[in-house]
Amino acid sequence: MARTTFLSPAILAPAMRTLAAFTLALAGLATAGLSGAPPALAHPYLLVEADSGRVIEQQDAGAPWYPASVTKLMTVYVALAAVKDGRVTMDTPFTVSALAASQQPSKMGFPPGTKVTLDNALKMLMVKSANDIAVVIAEGVGGSMPSFVAEMNATALRLGMSGTHYENPNGLPDPDQVTSARDLAILARAIIYHFPEHEMLFRIPAIRFGKIVLRNYNRLIDRYPGADGMKTGFICGSGFNLVATATRNGKRLIAVVLGASSAVGRNEEAAVLFEKGFHHTWSIFGGGTSLASLQNAGGPPTDMRDVVCNAKRRGTAAENEDELVAAQNDAGSPFSFAAPVQFSGAVLLQQQLPPSMPPVRVYAGVKAPAADTETGVASAEKPKKKPAVQEAARSAPADGTAKPATKPAAKPSAVASAPSGTKDGAKPAAAASSKKPVDPNAAPVTAGATPATKPKPKPKSDTKSDTKPETQAAPLPPSKPQG
């Protein structure tokens, strides 16, 4: 006689609670956003384990899509590779050209001739998503924007991003600039394992330029437990894009959401994906496909213009549209940039967390301002005024009759075209990374590569290594799909 086995309620209860939570969260996502928007998650998304490349969940991950400002992840990758190769340093100053100054917003708005170090430029690029700064970096690293873009495409090919092509370094609209969720996950893995020493660059919650505080468009940072990167993007053609990473208990996940109908929606969808990936039961029900086994579909990208930028939409779609909600927070607090935003839908996934770091100080010029924090422009870059006594003596006539000293000119109040943002007096403090260092000389992470065991860090040496730079290393052979 057959024997019937029943599962204990103690085993079933947690699983049922988890299923109920996911169902409620997804139901909230379906009602989030604006009227007339398509059902949530009816667009490409992908959830991947960072260390193994195992795909936990995906939908249309190979579909062609306009990258918008997530393009800047490749801009940063190429710039950091140039630093590793010794072509530039983080202190190398770049000059704002007329081409850079002419880029459309979002931008810092520096006039042509302004100098910015690569370190400051990268922070402005990742937090403010400044299109002008992307061109500054491209021209400074590559010599010209076309040369830099060619390097971006060569890097994409080397990493195995077969569905990606770039025409500019900032993601402004171009019909030939295309990528996929699959390719963006490959790029995110490459950044994580090739440049672990720069991991803080991707999780800065805000920057401070003079007294102006500019918040990161990635609202998961300091709001979703464990969120630690990377980049958002938006143009009408792409909808709201997000490449995000999060780490809990040593497990790091990469989530890619493309074509969400709102800035709020992309954050909520990424949070739901992370919750699935971090929950212990999902290892049983989750997928076992490898990133290498996903294929890019090809064809023309989907154009989201009629969905996210139509006349029926309440308000103008923009990368920072959720700042309208955030603006209701108390701007007088030193950490108001990290105050929680009240999202609709999966509200339970957006928590109030202590700030991971104060706004990071950035500036224009070669040296940090010594005392002037009003403008963010290095004092060394300002014209020095001659002492009144010396000026009077120099201009005195031959007969010895002294003329009155000329009154010094008034001190300039701000930089021309200063960026907009919330004023704040908080002093920045660089946060030390808590991440475990990874061998920076590791071979490139390709679609199916599994990172090797992390070796013990070697002591720093002043002598240059004879090893070839990382950017020239041959990619690892793709691993077999995991069952």
Foldseek 3Di string as FASTA:
>chain_A
DDDDDDDDCVVVVVVVVVVVLLVQLQVQLQPFDFPPFHGPPPAWKWKAFLQFQFTFDIDLQQAKFQAFQLLLLLLVVLLVLCCLQVVFHQLDKFFQAPVLLPDDDPAQNFDGGWIFGNVLLLLCCFASVHSSSSQRSCCVRQVHFVRSQVVSVVLLVQQAQVSAHDDGRRRDDDQRGIGGNLSSSSSVSQCCFQCVVCQQSFQFQWAAQLQFIGGGLLLCRQWFAFKRGDHWGDDLFKATWDWTWGDDPRTIMIMTDIRDQASLSNNSVRLSSVVLVPDPCSVVVTDQFGSVPDHRDDDGHGGNNCNNQNPPGDDGGDSNVLVVQLVVFDLADQVSSQAWGQGTRSRVRTHRGDHLWGHHYGAIDSDFAPPRSQARHHPVPDDDDDDQVVVQVVPQDPVRDTDHGDDDDDDDRYRVSGDDHRGHDDDGDDHDDPDDDAPNLFAGRHRADRDDDGDDDDDDDPDDDPDDRNSPHRHDDHDDGGD
